C-alpha atoms as a PDB file:
ATOM      1  CA  MET A   1     -12.942 -18.382   0.564  1.00  0.00           C
ATOM      2  CA  LEU A   2     -13.485 -14.739   1.554  1.00  0.00           C
ATOM      3  CA  GLN A   3     -15.220 -12.746  -1.184  1.00  0.00           C
ATOM      4  CA  LEU A   4     -14.696  -8.988  -1.259  1.00  0.00           C
ATOM      5  CA  THR A   5     -17.652  -6.922  -2.440  1.00  0.00           C
ATOM      6  CA  SER A   6     -17.437  -4.144  -4.991  1.00  0.00           C
ATOM      7  CA  GLU A   7     -18.638  -1.744  -2.285  1.00  0.00           C
ATOM      8  CA  PHE A   8     -15.714  -2.694  -0.051  1.00  0.00           C
ATOM      9  CA  LYS A   9     -13.210  -2.214  -2.881  1.00  0.00           C
ATOM     10  CA  LYS A  10     -14.718   1.173  -3.742  1.00  0.00           C
ATOM     11  CA  LYS A  11     -14.367   2.204  -0.106  1.00  0.00           C
ATOM     12  CA  VAL A  12     -10.704   1.195  -0.114  1.00  0.00           C
ATOM     13  CA  LEU A  13     -10.162   2.962  -3.441  1.00  0.00           C
ATOM     14  CA  GLU A  14     -11.664   6.184  -2.071  1.00  0.00           C
ATOM     15  CA  ALA A  15      -9.232   6.020   0.843  1.00  0.00           C
ATOM     16  CA  LEU A  16      -6.320   5.370  -1.551  1.00  0.00           C
ATOM     17  CA  MET A  17      -7.265   8.388  -3.647  1.00  0.00           C
ATOM     18  CA  ALA A  18      -7.498  10.541  -0.522  1.00  0.00           C
ATOM     19  CA  GLN A  19      -4.020   9.350   0.435  1.00  0.00           C
ATOM     20  CA  ARG A  20      -2.766  10.154  -3.070  1.00  0.00           C
ATOM     21  CA  ALA A  21      -4.101  13.695  -2.747  1.00  0.00           C
ATOM     22  CA  ASN A  22      -1.906  14.187   0.340  1.00  0.00           C
ATOM     23  CA  TYR A  23       1.247  12.920  -1.369  1.00  0.00           C
ATOM     24  CA  ASP A  24       3.332  15.347  -3.436  1.00  0.00           C
ATOM     25  CA  GLY A  25       5.349  12.684  -5.247  1.00  0.00           C
ATOM     26  CA  SER A  26       4.581  11.409  -8.746  1.00  0.00           C
ATOM     27  CA  ASP A  27       2.009   8.749  -9.612  1.00  0.00           C
ATOM     28  CA  ALA A  28       4.902   6.382 -10.234  1.00  0.00           C
ATOM     29  CA  ALA A  29       6.306   6.997  -6.761  1.00  0.00           C
ATOM     30  CA  PHE A  30       2.900   6.713  -5.124  1.00  0.00           C
ATOM     31  CA  SER A  31       2.330   3.423  -6.949  1.00  0.00           C
ATOM     32  CA  LYS A  32       5.433   2.068  -5.229  1.00  0.00           C
ATOM     33  CA  THR A  33       4.069   3.031  -1.805  1.00  0.00           C
ATOM     34  CA  ILE A  34       1.065   0.772  -2.379  1.00  0.00           C
ATOM     35  CA  GLY A  35       2.934  -2.041  -4.105  1.00  0.00           C
ATOM     36  CA  ILE A  36       1.709  -1.815  -7.708  1.00  0.00           C
ATOM     37  CA  ASN A  37       2.979  -0.391 -10.997  1.00  0.00           C
ATOM     38  CA  GLN A  38       1.893   2.910 -12.471  1.00  0.00           C
ATOM     39  CA  ALA A  39      -0.178   1.313 -15.259  1.00  0.00           C
ATOM     40  CA  VAL A  40      -2.373  -0.492 -12.733  1.00  0.00           C
ATOM     41  CA  PHE A  41      -2.666   2.641 -10.628  1.00  0.00           C
ATOM     42  CA  SER A  42      -3.810   4.624 -13.671  1.00  0.00           C
ATOM     43  CA  GLN A  43      -6.720   2.215 -14.100  1.00  0.00           C
ATOM     44  CA  LEU A  44      -7.554   2.468 -10.410  1.00  0.00           C
ATOM     45  CA  LYS A  45      -7.599   6.254 -10.738  1.00  0.00           C
ATOM     46  CA  ASN A  46     -10.188   5.851 -13.465  1.00  0.00           C
ATOM     47  CA  GLY A  47     -12.420   3.938 -11.050  1.00  0.00           C
ATOM     48  CA  LYS A  48     -11.770   0.370 -12.172  1.00  0.00           C
ATOM     49  CA  THR A  49     -11.653  -2.080  -9.246  1.00  0.00           C
ATOM     50  CA  GLU A  50     -12.169  -5.524 -10.771  1.00  0.00           C
ATOM     51  CA  GLY A  51      -9.527  -7.725 -12.355  1.00  0.00           C
ATOM     52  CA  LEU A  52      -6.552  -5.513 -11.545  1.00  0.00           C
ATOM     53  CA  VAL A  53      -5.112  -6.867  -8.294  1.00  0.00           C
ATOM     54  CA  LYS A  54      -5.713  -9.883  -6.084  1.00  0.00           C
ATOM     55  CA  ASP A  55      -8.108  -9.745  -3.149  1.00  0.00           C
ATOM     56  CA  SER A  56      -5.099 -10.154  -0.849  1.00  0.00           C
ATOM     57  CA  GLN A  57      -3.807  -6.786  -2.099  1.00  0.00           C
ATOM     58  CA  TRP A  58      -7.156  -5.119  -1.429  1.00  0.00           C
ATOM     59  CA  LEU A  59      -7.083  -6.539   2.099  1.00  0.00           C
ATOM     60  CA  ASN A  60      -3.519  -5.332   2.581  1.00  0.00           C
ATOM     61  CA  TRP A  61      -4.506  -1.810   1.539  1.00  0.00           C
ATOM     62  CA  ALA A  62      -7.561  -1.944   3.776  1.00  0.00           C
ATOM     63  CA  ARG A  63      -5.421  -2.975   6.740  1.00  0.00           C
ATOM     64  CA  GLU A  64      -2.914  -0.171   6.160  1.00  0.00           C
ATOM     65  CA  LEU A  65      -5.717   2.374   5.724  1.00  0.00           C
ATOM     66  CA  GLY A  66      -7.606   1.206   8.812  1.00  0.00           C
ATOM     67  CA  ILE A  67     -10.595  -0.145   6.883  1.00  0.00           C
ATOM     68  CA  SER A  68     -12.150  -3.414   8.012  1.00  0.00           C
ATOM     69  CA  LEU A  69     -14.850  -5.738   6.790  1.00  0.00           C
ATOM     70  CA  HIS A  70     -16.203  -6.369  10.238  1.00  0.00           C
ATOM     71  CA  GLU A  71     -14.645  -4.163  12.924  1.00  0.00           C
ATOM     72  CA  ARG A  72     -16.363  -1.088  14.311  1.00  0.00           C
ATOM     73  CA  GLU A  73     -15.394   2.110  12.552  1.00  0.00           C
ATOM     74  CA  TRP A  74     -14.640   4.911  14.960  1.00  0.00           C
ATOM     75  CA  ASN A  75     -15.685   8.486  14.366  1.00  0.00           C
ATOM     76  CA  ILE A  76     -13.007  11.076  15.030  1.00  0.00           C
ATOM     77  CA  ALA A  77     -13.317  12.741  18.425  1.00  0.00           C
ATOM     78  CA  ARG A  78     -11.244  15.861  19.052  1.00  0.00           C
ATOM     79  CA  THR A  79      -9.693  14.707  22.300  1.00  0.00           C
ATOM     80  CA  ALA A  80      -6.854  16.294  24.250  1.00  0.00           C
ATOM     81  CA  VAL A  81      -4.594  13.533  22.882  1.00  0.00           C
ATOM     82  CA  LEU A  82      -5.481  14.307  19.271  1.00  0.00           C
ATOM     83  CA  ASN A  83      -5.059  18.039  19.829  1.00  0.00           C
ATOM     84  CA  VAL A  84      -1.607  17.763  21.423  1.00  0.00           C
ATOM     85  CA  ILE A  85      -0.179  15.256  18.934  1.00  0.00           C
ATOM     86  CA  GLU A  86      -1.672  17.111  15.967  1.00  0.00           C
ATOM     87  CA  GLN A  87      -0.186  20.402  17.170  1.00  0.00           C
ATOM     88  CA  GLU A  88       3.251  18.851  17.632  1.00  0.00           C
ATOM     89  CA  VAL A  89       3.246  16.962  14.339  1.00  0.00           C
ATOM     90  CA  LYS A  90       2.203  20.101  12.469  1.00  0.00           C
ATOM     91  CA  PHE A  91       4.982  22.028  14.222  1.00  0.00           C
ATOM     92  CA  CYS A  92       7.542  19.372  13.235  1.00  0.00           C
ATOM     93  CA  LYS A  93       6.243  19.412   9.679  1.00  0.00           C
ATOM     94  CA  ARG A  94       6.264  23.189   9.295  1.00  0.00           C
ATOM     95  CA  TYR A  95       9.681  23.820  10.849  1.00  0.00           C
ATOM     96  CA  ALA A  96      11.422  20.466  10.131  1.00  0.00           C
ATOM     97  CA  LYS A  97      11.808  19.768  13.853  1.00  0.00           C
ATOM     98  CA  SER A  98      11.635  16.576  15.894  1.00  0.00           C
ATOM     99  CA  ARG A  99       9.759  15.499  19.017  1.00  0.00           C
ATOM    100  CA  ILE A 100       9.234  12.385  21.127  1.00  0.00           C
ATOM    101  CA  CYS A 101       5.825  11.553  22.609  1.00  0.00           C
ATOM    102  CA  VAL A 102       5.932   9.024  25.432  1.00  0.00           C
ATOM    103  CA  ASP A 103       2.715   8.203  27.218  1.00  0.00           C
ATOM    104  CA  GLU A 104       0.403   5.500  28.488  1.00  0.00           C
ATOM    105  CA  CYS A 105      -1.168   2.854  26.269  1.00  0.00           C
ATOM    106  CA  GLY A 106      -4.784   3.012  25.178  1.00  0.00           C
ATOM    107  CA  ILE A 107      -5.210   6.782  24.950  1.00  0.00           C
ATOM    108  CA  GLY A 108      -5.418   7.064  21.155  1.00  0.00           C
ATOM    109  CA  LYS A 109      -1.828   7.873  20.136  1.00  0.00           C
ATOM    110  CA  THR A 110      -1.741   5.384  17.267  1.00  0.00           C
ATOM    111  CA  PHE A 111      -5.268   6.241  16.128  1.00  0.00           C
ATOM    112  CA  THR A 112      -4.275   9.917  16.001  1.00  0.00           C
ATOM    113  CA  ALA A 113      -1.023   9.244  14.138  1.00  0.00           C
ATOM    114  CA  LYS A 114      -2.779   7.182  11.473  1.00  0.00           C
ATOM    115  CA  TYR A 115      -5.480   9.845  11.150  1.00  0.00           C
ATOM    116  CA  LEU A 116      -2.824  12.531  10.613  1.00  0.00           C
ATOM    117  CA  SER A 117      -1.014  10.399   8.022  1.00  0.00           C
ATOM    118  CA  ARG A 118      -4.266  10.222   6.060  1.00  0.00           C
ATOM    119  CA  THR A 119      -5.182  13.895   6.352  1.00  0.00           C
ATOM    120  CA  LEU A 120      -1.911  15.884   6.332  1.00  0.00           C
ATOM    121  CA  LYS A 121      -0.013  16.335   3.094  1.00  0.00           C
ATOM    122  CA  ASN A 122       3.290  14.429   3.019  1.00  0.00           C
ATOM    123  CA  CYS A 123       2.761  12.960   6.480  1.00  0.00           C
ATOM    124  CA  PHE A 124       4.007   9.362   6.687  1.00  0.00           C
ATOM    125  CA  TYR A 125       3.342   6.717   9.338  1.00  0.00           C
ATOM    126  CA  VAL A 126       5.541   3.723  10.173  1.00  0.00           C
ATOM    127  CA  ASP A 127       4.766   1.120  12.845  1.00  0.00           C
ATOM    128  CA  ALA A 128       8.198   0.179  14.174  1.00  0.00           C
ATOM    129  CA  SER A 129       6.807  -2.883  15.959  1.00  0.00           C
ATOM    130  CA  GLN A 130       6.427  -4.414  12.483  1.00  0.00           C
ATOM    131  CA  CYS A 131       9.949  -3.520  11.303  1.00  0.00           C
ATOM    132  CA  LYS A 132      12.300  -3.702  14.263  1.00  0.00           C
ATOM    133  CA  SER A 133      15.594  -4.488  12.552  1.00  0.00           C
ATOM    134  CA  LYS A 134      17.807  -1.976  10.754  1.00  0.00           C
ATOM    135  CA  GLN A 135      17.173  -3.185   7.223  1.00  0.00           C
ATOM    136  CA  HIS A 136      13.492  -3.877   7.709  1.00  0.00           C
ATOM    137  CA  PHE A 137      12.923  -0.416   9.189  1.00  0.00           C
ATOM    138  CA  VAL A 138      14.753   1.459   6.423  1.00  0.00           C
ATOM    139  CA  ARG A 139      13.169  -0.604   3.650  1.00  0.00           C
ATOM    140  CA  THR A 140       9.705  -0.159   5.158  1.00  0.00           C
ATOM    141  CA  LEU A 141      10.254   3.572   5.414  1.00  0.00           C
ATOM    142  CA  ALA A 142      11.444   3.667   1.802  1.00  0.00           C
ATOM    143  CA  LYS A 143       8.342   1.811   0.613  1.00  0.00           C
ATOM    144  CA  THR A 144       6.116   4.118   2.670  1.00  0.00           C
ATOM    145  CA  LEU A 145       7.595   7.163   0.934  1.00  0.00           C
ATOM    146  CA  GLY A 146       7.518   5.659  -2.567  1.00  0.00           C
ATOM    147  CA  VAL A 147      11.216   4.814  -2.935  1.00  0.00           C
ATOM    148  CA  ASP A 148      12.323   1.498  -4.432  1.00  0.00           C
ATOM    149  CA  HIS A 149      12.876  -0.653  -1.327  1.00  0.00           C
ATOM    150  CA  THR A 150      14.047  -3.929  -2.926  1.00  0.00           C
ATOM    151  CA  GLY A 151      17.512  -3.034  -4.192  1.00  0.00           C
ATOM    152  CA  LYS A 152      20.897  -3.042  -2.463  1.00  0.00           C
ATOM    153  CA  TYR A 153      20.514  -1.754   1.076  1.00  0.00           C
ATOM    154  CA  ASN A 154      22.977   1.122   0.860  1.00  0.00           C
ATOM    155  CA  GLU A 155      21.388   2.294  -2.404  1.00  0.00           C
ATOM    156  CA  VAL A 156      17.888   2.134  -0.872  1.00  0.00           C
ATOM    157  CA  LYS A 157      19.078   4.196   2.092  1.00  0.00           C
ATOM    158  CA  ALA A 158      20.859   6.754  -0.101  1.00  0.00           C
ATOM    159  CA  ASN A 159      17.802   7.135  -2.331  1.00  0.00           C
ATOM    160  CA  LEU A 160      15.574   7.458   0.728  1.00  0.00           C
ATOM    161  CA  LYS A 161      17.665  10.313   2.129  1.00  0.00           C
ATOM    162  CA  TYR A 162      17.622  12.086  -1.230  1.00  0.00           C
ATOM    163  CA  TYR A 163      13.895  11.618  -1.752  1.00  0.00           C
ATOM    164  CA  ILE A 164      12.969  12.872   1.715  1.00  0.00           C
ATOM    165  CA  LYS A 165      14.809  16.114   0.955  1.00  0.00           C
ATOM    166  CA  MET A 166      12.980  16.463  -2.360  1.00  0.00           C
ATOM    167  CA  LEU A 167       9.488  16.379  -0.835  1.00  0.00           C
ATOM    168  CA  PRO A 168       7.878  19.650   0.320  1.00  0.00           C
ATOM    169  CA  SER A 169       7.682  19.766   4.134  1.00  0.00           C
ATOM    170  CA  PRO A 170       7.475  16.043   4.903  1.00  0.00           C
ATOM    171  CA  VAL A 171       6.962  14.688   8.413  1.00  0.00           C
ATOM    172  CA  ILE A 172       7.559  11.078   9.433  1.00  0.00           C
ATOM    173  CA  ILE A 173       5.797   9.539  12.432  1.00  0.00           C
ATOM    174  CA  VAL A 174       7.534   6.478  13.881  1.00  0.00           C
ATOM    175  CA  ASP A 175       5.096   4.674  16.182  1.00  0.00           C
ATOM    176  CA  GLU A 176       6.190   2.065  18.741  1.00  0.00           C
ATOM    177  CA  ALA A 177       9.697   3.472  18.402  1.00  0.00           C
ATOM    178  CA  GLY A 178      10.781   1.669  21.559  1.00  0.00           C
ATOM    179  CA  ASP A 179      10.621  -1.603  19.597  1.00  0.00           C
ATOM    180  CA  LEU A 180      13.436  -0.566  17.262  1.00  0.00           C
ATOM    181  CA  GLU A 181      16.607  -2.558  17.729  1.00  0.00           C
ATOM    182  CA  TYR A 182      19.788  -0.647  18.566  1.00  0.00           C
ATOM    183  CA  PRO A 183      21.192  -0.688  14.989  1.00  0.00           C
ATOM    184  CA  ALA A 184      17.842   0.631  13.704  1.00  0.00           C
ATOM    185  CA  LEU A 185      18.007   3.537  16.168  1.00  0.00           C
ATOM    186  CA  LEU A 186      21.461   4.405  14.822  1.00  0.00           C
ATOM    187  CA  GLU A 187      20.042   4.360  11.289  1.00  0.00           C
ATOM    188  CA  LEU A 188      17.276   6.696  12.479  1.00  0.00           C
ATOM    189  CA  LYS A 189      19.925   9.095  13.765  1.00  0.00           C
ATOM    190  CA  GLU A 190      21.717   8.852  10.412  1.00  0.00           C
ATOM    191  CA  LEU A 191      18.499   9.622   8.538  1.00  0.00           C
ATOM    192  CA  TRP A 192      17.860  12.600  10.822  1.00  0.00           C
ATOM    193  CA  ASN A 193      21.373  13.934  10.152  1.00  0.00           C
ATOM    194  CA  ALA A 194      20.939  13.532   6.403  1.00  0.00           C
ATOM    195  CA  THR A 195      17.566  15.336   6.371  1.00  0.00           C
ATOM    196  CA  ASP A 196      18.247  18.022   8.977  1.00  0.00           C
ATOM    197  CA  GLY A 197      16.222  21.098   8.105  1.00  0.00           C
ATOM    198  CA  ALA A 198      14.266  19.278   5.393  1.00  0.00           C
ATOM    199  CA  CYS A 199      12.034  16.837   7.301  1.00  0.00           C
ATOM    200  CA  GLY A 200      10.084  16.674  10.533  1.00  0.00           C
ATOM    201  CA  TRP A 201      10.299  13.534  12.686  1.00  0.00           C
ATOM    202  CA  TYR A 202       7.936  12.417  15.440  1.00  0.00           C
ATOM    203  CA  LEU A 203       8.635   9.380  17.614  1.00  0.00           C
ATOM    204  CA  MET A 204       5.880   7.784  19.690  1.00  0.00           C
ATOM    205  CA  GLY A 205       5.889   5.058  22.290  1.00  0.00           C
ATOM    206  CA  ALA A 206       5.089   4.029  25.835  1.00  0.00           C
ATOM    207  CA  ASP A 207       7.306   3.780  28.897  1.00  0.00           C
ATOM    208  CA  GLY A 208       9.607   1.321  27.132  1.00  0.00           C
ATOM    209  CA  LEU A 209      10.799   4.032  24.740  1.00  0.00           C
ATOM    210  CA  ARG A 210      11.570   6.432  27.570  1.00  0.00           C
ATOM    211  CA  ALA A 211      13.374   3.691  29.513  1.00  0.00           C
ATOM    212  CA  LYS A 212      15.426   2.638  26.462  1.00  0.00           C
ATOM    213  CA  ILE A 213      16.607   6.192  25.769  1.00  0.00           C
ATOM    214  CA  GLU A 214      17.314   7.055  29.402  1.00  0.00           C
ATOM    215  CA  ARG A 215      19.147   3.757  29.957  1.00  0.00           C
ATOM    216  CA  GLY A 216      21.202   4.267  26.805  1.00  0.00           C
ATOM    217  CA  ILE A 217      22.205   7.771  27.908  1.00  0.00           C
ATOM    218  CA  ALA A 218      23.025   6.621  31.456  1.00  0.00           C
ATOM    219  CA  ASN A 219      25.189   3.794  30.103  1.00  0.00           C
ATOM    220  CA  LYS A 220      26.855   6.180  27.638  1.00  0.00           C
ATOM    221  CA  LYS A 221      25.882   3.937  24.745  1.00  0.00           C
ATOM    222  CA  VAL A 222      26.852   5.417  21.401  1.00  0.00           C
ATOM    223  CA  GLY A 223      24.053   7.309  19.691  1.00  0.00           C
ATOM    224  CA  PHE A 224      21.508   7.752  22.477  1.00  0.00           C
ATOM    225  CA  ARG A 225      22.640  11.165  23.743  1.00  0.00           C
ATOM    226  CA  GLU A 226      22.872  12.427  20.164  1.00  0.00           C
ATOM    227  CA  LEU A 227      19.470  11.008  19.243  1.00  0.00           C
ATOM    228  CA  PHE A 228      17.810  12.557  22.303  1.00  0.00           C
ATOM    229  CA  SER A 229      19.440  15.905  21.545  1.00  0.00           C
ATOM    230  CA  ARG A 230      18.110  15.846  17.993  1.00  0.00           C
ATOM    231  CA  PHE A 231      14.610  15.123  19.291  1.00  0.00           C
ATOM    232  CA  SER A 232      14.492  18.244  21.509  1.00  0.00           C
ATOM    233  CA  GLU A 233      15.904  16.603  24.685  1.00  0.00           C
ATOM    234  CA  LYS A 234      12.517  16.127  26.281  1.00  0.00           C
ATOM    235  CA  PHE A 235       9.522  13.831  26.208  1.00  0.00           C
ATOM    236  CA  THR A 236       5.994  15.011  25.530  1.00  0.00           C
ATOM    237  CA  SER A 237       3.460  13.429  27.893  1.00  0.00           C
ATOM    238  CA  ILE A 238      -0.252  14.153  27.856  1.00  0.00           C
ATOM    239  CA  VAL A 239      -1.662  12.099  30.753  1.00  0.00           C
ATOM    240  CA  PRO A 240      -1.259  13.966  34.082  1.00  0.00           C
ATOM    241  CA  ALA A 241       0.879  12.368  36.790  1.00  0.00           C
ATOM    242  CA  ASP A 242      -1.376  13.372  39.706  1.00  0.00           C
ATOM    243  CA  ARG A 243      -3.882  10.612  40.494  1.00  0.00           C
ATOM    244  CA  GLN A 244      -6.983  12.798  40.658  1.00  0.00           C
ATOM    245  CA  GLU A 245      -5.990  14.797  37.592  1.00  0.00           C
ATOM    246  CA  LYS A 246      -5.350  11.522  35.759  1.00  0.00           C
ATOM    247  CA  LEU A 247      -8.831  10.228  36.611  1.00  0.00           C
ATOM    248  CA  ALA A 248     -10.372  13.478  35.375  1.00  0.00           C
ATOM    249  CA  PHE A 249      -8.312  13.250  32.178  1.00  0.00           C
ATOM    250  CA  TYR A 250      -9.423   9.684  31.469  1.00  0.00           C
ATOM    251  CA  ARG A 251     -13.039  10.520  32.247  1.00  0.00           C
ATOM    252  CA  GLN A 252     -13.004  13.340  29.707  1.00  0.00           C
ATOM    253  CA  LEU A 253     -11.063  11.302  27.122  1.00  0.00           C
ATOM    254  CA  ILE A 254     -13.393   8.306  27.279  1.00  0.00           C
ATOM    255  CA  THR A 255     -16.493  10.504  27.368  1.00  0.00           C
ATOM    256  CA  ASP A 256     -15.350  12.439  24.283  1.00  0.00           C
ATOM    257  CA  VAL A 257     -14.648   9.292  22.260  1.00  0.00           C
ATOM    258  CA  LEU A 258     -17.766   7.395  23.284  1.00  0.00           C
ATOM    259  CA  SER A 259     -20.008  10.423  22.743  1.00  0.00           C
ATOM    260  CA  ALA A 260     -18.797  10.606  19.145  1.00  0.00           C
ATOM    261  CA  ASN A 261     -19.532   6.913  18.618  1.00  0.00           C
ATOM    262  CA  MET A 262     -22.803   6.268  20.452  1.00  0.00           C
ATOM    263  CA  ALA A 263     -26.169   6.931  18.861  1.00  0.00           C
ATOM    264  CA  ASN A 264     -27.903   6.266  22.178  1.00  0.00           C
ATOM    265  CA  LYS A 265     -26.130   7.936  25.098  1.00  0.00           C
ATOM    266  CA  ALA A 266     -28.183   6.119  27.762  1.00  0.00           C
ATOM    267  CA  GLN A 267     -25.282   3.785  28.645  1.00  0.00           C
ATOM    268  CA  LEU A 268     -22.559   6.433  28.381  1.00  0.00           C
ATOM    269  CA  GLU A 269     -22.033   7.184  32.072  1.00  0.00           C
ATOM    270  CA  LYS A 270     -22.217   3.510  32.990  1.00  0.00           C
ATOM    271  CA  ILE A 271     -19.480   2.583  30.497  1.00  0.00           C
ATOM    272  CA  VAL A 272     -17.292   5.528  31.526  1.00  0.00           C
ATOM    273  CA  LYS A 273     -17.473   4.480  35.194  1.00  0.00           C
ATOM    274  CA  ARG A 274     -16.534   0.906  34.357  1.00  0.00           C
ATOM    275  CA  CYS A 275     -13.563   2.109  32.319  1.00  0.00           C
ATOM    276  CA  LEU A 276     -12.319   4.214  35.224  1.00  0.00           C
ATOM    277  CA  THR A 277     -12.197   1.188  37.541  1.00  0.00           C
ATOM    278  CA  THR A 278      -8.540   0.382  38.170  1.00  0.00           C
ATOM    279  CA  ASP A 279      -7.017  -3.082  37.983  1.00  0.00           C
ATOM    280  CA  GLU A 280      -4.976  -4.821  40.663  1.00  0.00           C
ATOM    281  CA  ILE A 281      -1.866  -2.751  39.894  1.00  0.00           C
ATOM    282  CA  GLY A 282      -3.698   0.568  39.642  1.00  0.00           C
ATOM    283  CA  HIS A 283      -4.005   0.963  35.868  1.00  0.00           C
ATOM    284  CA  ILE A 284      -7.067   2.777  34.566  1.00  0.00           C
ATOM    285  CA  GLY A 285      -8.930   1.247  31.651  1.00  0.00           C
ATOM    286  CA  GLY A 286      -8.278   3.152  28.433  1.00  0.00           C
ATOM    287  CA  LEU A 287      -9.951   3.412  25.042  1.00  0.00           C
ATOM    288  CA  ARG A 288      -9.461  -0.264  24.159  1.00  0.00           C
ATOM    289  CA  ARG A 289     -11.497  -1.220  27.195  1.00  0.00           C
ATOM    290  CA  ALA A 290     -14.054   1.443  26.316  1.00  0.00           C
ATOM    291  CA  GLU A 291     -14.440  -0.044  22.838  1.00  0.00           C
ATOM    292  CA  ALA A 292     -14.993  -3.547  24.216  1.00  0.00           C
ATOM    293  CA  LEU A 293     -17.586  -2.316  26.706  1.00  0.00           C
ATOM    294  CA  LEU A 294     -19.324  -0.252  24.017  1.00  0.00           C
ATOM    295  CA  ILE A 295     -19.657  -3.337  21.807  1.00  0.00           C
ATOM    296  CA  LEU A 296     -21.008  -5.417  24.697  1.00  0.00           C
ATOM    297  CA  ASN A 297     -23.556  -2.774  25.632  1.00  0.00           C
ATOM    298  CA  THR A 298     -24.828  -2.141  22.107  1.00  0.00           C
ATOM    299  CA  GLN A 299     -25.306  -5.702  20.914  1.00  0.00           C
END
């Protein structure tokens, strides 16, 4: 059986407390976001880690906070991807606006979104690939914001709308938004309508999200034109379309990330070149490939 060390639990607790500092709701509401009651959270706040929750709960928190027992921990690199997404999310947060970021896989979109949800006050992250249906999406969002997510669906949704409007300058990042089923997208539009002027929204995805929205608009499917209009009627893309510009972009992106995560830079150029090698359909290796090659070359 896996045994969690006190050091690991303290690391997770530090991350939880940092997340609490960026959440303007009450301790009771924050306790709901992490699946415990306020009495247990009070003891955690006082530094107690043993005998309060099961190891499975510690592992669940670690997963949601991006902390692992074994995986490589990445240092933050201020890449072009991070800069663009951060600027847009902060804009959405400050002015209660909405944007859609659609771009290639493996460039650090998800990493950036999770980083922002940990460092910006009242910035919330939801992975739509894990909650594709209407009810699952709304209940997951409610839990993420600290609203009771287990009651009657319509009451959960009504409370969620109300609570979003009560928070100071919230912004909600919906990653893998292209995975949302059609009824869930309509619920997203409803939530946007109910929180207009009170909450920023930021959708992220790959080509599938763009294709779903454009196909829905072309087929005059209810909700898609309205949803696109509410999200500024354009897609943000960071990777250049021109082949040579794209290669230069990836070279800089991979170099920036690897430089921040390599003690010995001797293999840097070699790994970057291997990442830039295209596959049989012309795709350039991204940061996931860079991570695998970094591990292989530092063992």
